[in-house]
Amino acid sequence: MTTTSSARTAAPPRTGQLERALGMLEVVADRNGASARELADALDVPLPTVYRIAKELTGAGYLTYVQAGRFELGHKLHQLGMSLHRQVGLSRPVTAEVTRLHEATGLAAYLAILRGGEMVVVHVVDSPDCPRLKPLRFGFHEAPHATAFGKLLLADLDPDYRDDYLDRHGLVALTARTTTEPDALAAELATVSRRGIAWEFGEFIAGWDCAAVPVRAGDNRLLGSVAVSGQAGRLAGRERVLESTLRAVSSRVGGLLRSGL
């Protein structure tokens, strides 16, 4: 199965103290804990340096030392995460709407927020019967040309700015169905802009489809998107019902975000 990881280039070495500290936090988060040796190997950092930085992070509450010589994330990161959730508008009423979208459709449901010029996934609700697309975790914002909510962002951009954006990010072929020709993508985005809904059929991950509608402010400014995804065929024949459901949820989420609830 093809994912966006194939499109990424190797990360540059972490040389500064801050970069190394952040790299350690990322490794611990990805692995649900890591030993000092694992951190040293993953980041190509000397073991004494790992111990020195880990001691500072532990003292500040960003890491905690547990049995068997492993480090896990500390409580301070939870506080930062809660603050981030408040900043992006993740109140209980908003997340409840995403849960209702999942329950009403039987599909994985997503909320993405426009932040820093990117459409960023901030909440996902799924189930064993219809799991989320694995790369679409909190903070995901890659490959907008290949995702339904990403197409909403691109369709909303001024054409000149969009061309510059795509020149910087590229049109990488993630599957055999990914649109990589600028003219073909522009034509699709014109349809997305006109209809106010974006569809994606096996363009991001082969065998999985997605649909998304925008969440807008009272002045029609783009705030974010609500979306659903499922295995190929689970959206087919349900397009009108899914569109209606997505638009209803989008309207309620937009109202909640505008009112600050």
Protein backbone atom coordinates (compact mmCIF):
# COMPACT_ATOMS: atom_id res chain seq x y z
CA MET A 1 0.00 0.00 0.00
CA THR A 2 1.41 3.38 -1.01
CA THR A 3 1.46 6.22 1.52
CA THR A 4 2.84 9.71 1.71
CA SER A 5 6.01 8.44 3.35
CA SER A 6 7.35 7.60 -0.10
CA ALA A 7 7.13 11.26 -1.03
CA ARG A 8 9.22 12.49 1.88
CA THR A 9 12.91 13.19 1.63
CA ALA A 10 15.36 12.17 4.34
CA ALA A 11 15.39 14.58 7.25
CA PRO A 12 18.59 16.60 7.73
CA PRO A 13 20.76 15.65 10.73
CA ARG A 14 19.75 17.13 14.07
CA THR A 15 22.79 19.17 15.09
CA GLY A 16 21.57 21.90 17.45
CA GLN A 17 20.59 21.25 21.07
CA LEU A 18 16.99 22.31 20.46
CA GLU A 19 16.71 20.17 17.33
CA ARG A 20 18.08 17.17 19.20
CA ALA A 21 15.68 17.69 22.08
CA LEU A 22 12.72 17.91 19.72
CA GLY A 23 13.96 14.86 17.85
CA MET A 24 14.09 12.90 21.09
CA LEU A 25 10.51 13.85 21.90
CA GLU A 26 9.40 12.76 18.43
CA VAL A 27 11.13 9.37 18.72
CA VAL A 28 9.66 8.75 22.18
CA ALA A 29 6.20 9.69 20.89
CA ASP A 30 6.44 7.50 17.78
CA ARG A 31 7.70 4.46 19.70
CA ASN A 32 5.59 4.85 22.83
CA GLY A 33 8.81 5.13 24.81
CA ALA A 34 12.50 4.63 24.07
CA SER A 35 15.74 3.87 25.86
CA ALA A 36 18.72 6.19 25.77
CA ARG A 37 20.50 3.81 23.40
CA GLU A 38 17.50 3.74 21.05
CA LEU A 39 17.40 7.53 21.06
CA ALA A 40 21.11 7.74 20.32
CA ASP A 41 20.82 5.29 17.44
CA ALA A 42 17.69 6.88 15.98
CA LEU A 43 19.11 10.39 15.98
CA ASP A 44 22.82 9.55 15.47
CA VAL A 45 23.65 11.42 18.67
CA PRO A 46 26.33 10.41 21.21
CA LEU A 47 24.95 8.58 24.24
CA PRO A 48 26.30 11.13 26.77
CA THR A 49 24.52 13.88 24.82
CA VAL A 50 21.27 11.92 24.97
CA TYR A 51 21.57 11.55 28.74
CA ARG A 52 22.31 15.26 29.17
CA ILE A 53 19.35 16.41 27.08
CA ALA A 54 17.04 13.76 28.57
CA LYS A 55 17.93 14.95 32.07
CA GLU A 56 16.90 18.50 31.15
CA LEU A 57 13.68 17.36 29.47
CA THR A 58 12.81 15.16 32.44
CA GLY A 59 13.43 17.97 34.89
CA ALA A 60 11.17 20.26 32.88
CA GLY A 61 8.37 17.68 32.71
CA TYR A 62 8.62 16.94 28.99
CA LEU A 63 9.97 13.43 29.52
CA THR A 64 9.64 10.96 32.38
CA TYR A 65 11.96 8.08 33.28
CA VAL A 66 10.25 4.73 33.79
CA GLN A 67 11.34 1.21 34.70
CA ALA A 68 13.61 -0.79 32.41
CA GLY A 69 15.61 2.31 31.56
CA ARG A 70 13.10 3.84 29.17
CA PHE A 71 11.84 7.36 28.67
CA GLU A 72 8.19 8.23 28.04
CA LEU A 73 6.44 11.53 27.36
CA GLY A 74 5.96 13.79 30.37
CA HIS A 75 2.87 15.56 31.68
CA LYS A 76 3.93 18.97 30.37
CA LEU A 77 3.30 17.83 26.81
CA HIS A 78 -0.28 17.00 27.72
CA GLN A 79 -0.75 20.56 28.91
CA LEU A 80 0.67 21.88 25.64
CA GLY A 81 -1.57 19.52 23.68
CA MET A 82 -4.66 20.68 25.52
CA SER A 83 -3.71 24.30 24.83
CA LEU A 84 -3.24 23.50 21.14
CA HIS A 85 -6.65 21.81 21.01
CA ARG A 86 -8.25 24.93 22.49
CA GLN A 87 -6.49 27.14 19.96
CA VAL A 88 -7.72 25.11 16.99
CA GLY A 89 -11.29 25.05 18.31
CA LEU A 90 -11.55 21.47 19.55
CA SER A 91 -14.35 21.95 22.06
CA ARG A 92 -16.54 19.05 23.15
CA PRO A 93 -19.49 20.22 21.03
CA VAL A 94 -17.24 20.33 17.95
CA THR A 95 -15.74 16.87 18.50
CA ALA A 96 -19.23 15.52 19.24
CA GLU A 97 -20.29 16.57 15.74
CA VAL A 98 -17.42 14.57 14.23
CA THR A 99 -18.48 11.58 16.30
CA ARG A 100 -22.05 11.93 15.02
CA LEU A 101 -20.73 12.08 11.45
CA HIS A 102 -18.93 8.78 11.99
CA GLU A 103 -21.97 7.18 13.55
CA ALA A 104 -24.36 8.44 10.87
CA THR A 105 -22.22 7.26 7.95
CA GLY A 106 -20.36 4.26 9.32
CA LEU A 107 -17.20 5.80 7.86
CA ALA A 108 -14.08 7.26 9.44
CA ALA A 109 -14.77 10.96 10.11
CA TYR A 110 -12.32 13.85 10.16
CA LEU A 111 -12.13 17.49 11.11
CA ALA A 112 -9.40 19.61 9.54
CA ILE A 113 -8.70 23.24 10.37
CA LEU A 114 -7.05 25.87 8.17
CA ARG A 115 -3.95 26.83 10.12
CA GLY A 116 -0.76 28.50 8.95
CA GLY A 117 -1.89 28.28 5.34
CA GLU A 118 -2.38 24.50 5.55
CA MET A 119 -5.43 22.28 6.01
CA VAL A 120 -4.47 20.39 9.17
CA VAL A 121 -6.22 17.29 10.54
CA VAL A 122 -7.11 17.96 14.18
CA HIS A 123 -9.66 15.26 15.07
CA VAL A 124 -10.48 11.76 13.82
CA VAL A 125 -13.23 9.32 14.85
CA ASP A 126 -13.13 5.78 13.46
CA SER A 127 -13.87 2.17 14.37
CA PRO A 128 -12.46 -1.31 13.71
CA ASP A 129 -15.04 -1.75 10.96
CA CYS A 130 -13.93 1.40 9.19
CA PRO A 131 -10.54 2.62 10.42
CA ARG A 132 -9.02 5.97 9.59
CA LEU A 133 -6.39 6.27 6.90
CA LYS A 134 -3.24 5.63 8.94
CA PRO A 135 -1.28 8.73 7.88
CA LEU A 136 -4.22 11.00 8.78
CA ARG A 137 -3.35 11.62 12.41
CA PHE A 138 -3.43 14.88 14.35
CA GLY A 139 -1.31 17.46 12.52
CA PHE A 140 -1.35 15.80 9.09
CA HIS A 141 -1.38 18.35 6.26
CA GLU A 142 0.56 16.75 3.42
CA ALA A 143 -0.33 15.93 -0.21
CA PRO A 144 -3.27 18.33 -0.63
CA HIS A 145 -3.54 17.44 -4.34
CA ALA A 146 -4.37 13.85 -3.36
CA THR A 147 -6.76 14.29 -0.42
CA ALA A 148 -10.35 15.50 -0.48
CA PHE A 149 -9.89 18.11 2.25
CA GLY A 150 -6.62 19.22 0.65
CA LYS A 151 -8.41 19.85 -2.63
CA LEU A 152 -10.79 22.16 -0.78
CA LEU A 153 -7.81 24.22 0.33
CA LEU A 154 -6.31 24.33 -3.16
CA ALA A 155 -9.66 25.25 -4.73
CA ASP A 156 -9.97 28.18 -2.32
CA LEU A 157 -6.55 29.65 -3.13
CA ASP A 158 -5.93 32.44 -5.60
CA PRO A 159 -4.68 30.72 -8.81
CA ASP A 160 -1.30 32.49 -8.76
CA TYR A 161 -0.70 31.62 -5.11
CA ARG A 162 -1.89 28.06 -5.77
CA ASP A 163 0.64 27.64 -8.59
CA ASP A 164 3.41 28.83 -6.30
CA TYR A 165 2.18 26.52 -3.53
CA LEU A 166 2.19 23.51 -5.85
CA ASP A 167 5.60 24.44 -7.26
CA ARG A 168 6.95 24.29 -3.71
CA HIS A 169 5.15 21.11 -2.68
CA GLY A 170 5.05 19.22 -5.98
CA LEU A 171 2.45 16.88 -7.47
CA VAL A 172 3.77 13.53 -6.31
CA ALA A 173 2.15 10.35 -7.62
CA LEU A 174 1.12 8.49 -4.47
CA THR A 175 -0.95 5.90 -6.35
CA ALA A 176 -1.73 5.13 -9.97
CA ARG A 177 -4.80 7.37 -9.68
CA THR A 178 -3.14 10.49 -8.22
CA THR A 179 -3.58 13.56 -10.40
CA THR A 180 -0.12 14.84 -11.28
CA GLU A 181 -0.85 17.03 -14.33
CA PRO A 182 -1.36 20.71 -13.39
CA ASP A 183 -4.06 21.31 -16.02
CA ALA A 184 -6.07 18.25 -14.98
CA LEU A 185 -5.83 19.27 -11.33
CA ALA A 186 -6.88 22.85 -12.14
CA ALA A 187 -9.96 21.55 -13.95
CA GLU A 188 -10.90 19.35 -11.01
CA LEU A 189 -10.39 22.19 -8.55
CA ALA A 190 -12.70 24.40 -10.60
CA THR A 191 -15.40 21.77 -10.16
CA VAL A 192 -14.66 21.52 -6.44
CA SER A 193 -14.98 25.31 -6.11
CA ARG A 194 -18.24 25.37 -8.03
CA ARG A 195 -19.89 22.44 -6.21
CA GLY A 196 -18.44 22.99 -2.73
CA ILE A 197 -17.51 19.35 -2.25
CA ALA A 198 -14.37 17.34 -3.03
CA TRP A 199 -14.08 13.63 -3.77
CA GLU A 200 -11.01 11.44 -3.78
CA PHE A 201 -11.02 7.92 -5.18
CA GLY A 202 -7.88 5.94 -4.43
CA GLU A 203 -5.63 8.93 -5.10
CA PHE A 204 -4.02 9.13 -1.67
CA ILE A 205 -4.00 5.45 -0.68
CA ALA A 206 -4.98 2.77 -3.16
CA GLY A 207 -8.27 1.11 -2.28
CA TRP A 208 -9.60 3.95 -0.13
CA ASP A 209 -11.99 6.80 -1.01
CA CYS A 210 -12.85 10.09 0.68
CA ALA A 211 -15.29 13.01 0.51
CA ALA A 212 -15.01 16.45 2.14
CA VAL A 213 -16.94 19.71 2.36
CA PRO A 214 -15.68 23.06 3.62
CA VAL A 215 -16.42 24.69 6.96
CA ARG A 216 -16.78 28.44 6.44
CA ALA A 217 -17.05 31.63 8.45
CA GLY A 218 -20.00 34.01 8.14
CA ASP A 219 -18.10 35.98 5.48
CA ASN A 220 -17.53 32.75 3.50
CA ARG A 221 -13.88 32.58 4.56
CA LEU A 222 -12.56 29.01 4.69
CA LEU A 223 -12.14 27.78 8.27
CA GLY A 224 -11.61 24.08 7.71
CA SER A 225 -13.29 20.92 6.49
CA VAL A 226 -15.24 17.86 7.58
CA ALA A 227 -14.59 14.64 5.73
CA VAL A 228 -15.25 10.90 5.65
CA SER A 229 -13.24 8.00 4.25
CA GLY A 230 -13.75 4.31 3.69
CA GLN A 231 -12.60 1.31 1.70
CA ALA A 232 -13.22 1.49 -2.03
CA GLY A 233 -16.89 0.96 -2.79
CA ARG A 234 -18.23 2.06 0.60
CA LEU A 235 -18.97 5.55 -0.69
CA ALA A 236 -20.31 4.45 -4.07
CA GLY A 237 -24.06 4.83 -4.51
CA ARG A 238 -24.27 6.99 -1.36
CA GLU A 239 -22.95 10.21 -2.85
CA ARG A 240 -26.10 12.31 -2.41
CA VAL A 241 -26.76 11.11 1.15
CA LEU A 242 -23.13 11.58 2.16
CA GLU A 243 -23.03 15.06 0.66
CA SER A 244 -26.17 16.06 2.53
CA THR A 245 -24.84 14.65 5.81
CA LEU A 246 -21.46 16.32 5.38
CA ARG A 247 -23.06 19.69 4.63
CA ALA A 248 -25.29 19.47 7.69
CA VAL A 249 -22.34 18.65 9.97
CA SER A 250 -20.25 21.35 8.33
CA SER A 251 -22.96 23.93 9.00
CA ARG A 252 -23.18 22.99 12.68
CA VAL A 253 -19.39 22.89 13.15
CA GLY A 254 -19.08 26.25 11.44
CA GLY A 255 -21.67 27.71 13.79
CA LEU A 256 -19.85 26.33 16.82
CA LEU A 257 -16.47 27.66 15.66
CA ARG A 258 -17.92 31.08 14.90
CA SER A 259 -19.56 31.30 18.31
CA GLY A 260 -16.49 30.00 20.12
CA LEU A 261 -18.34 27.01 21.58
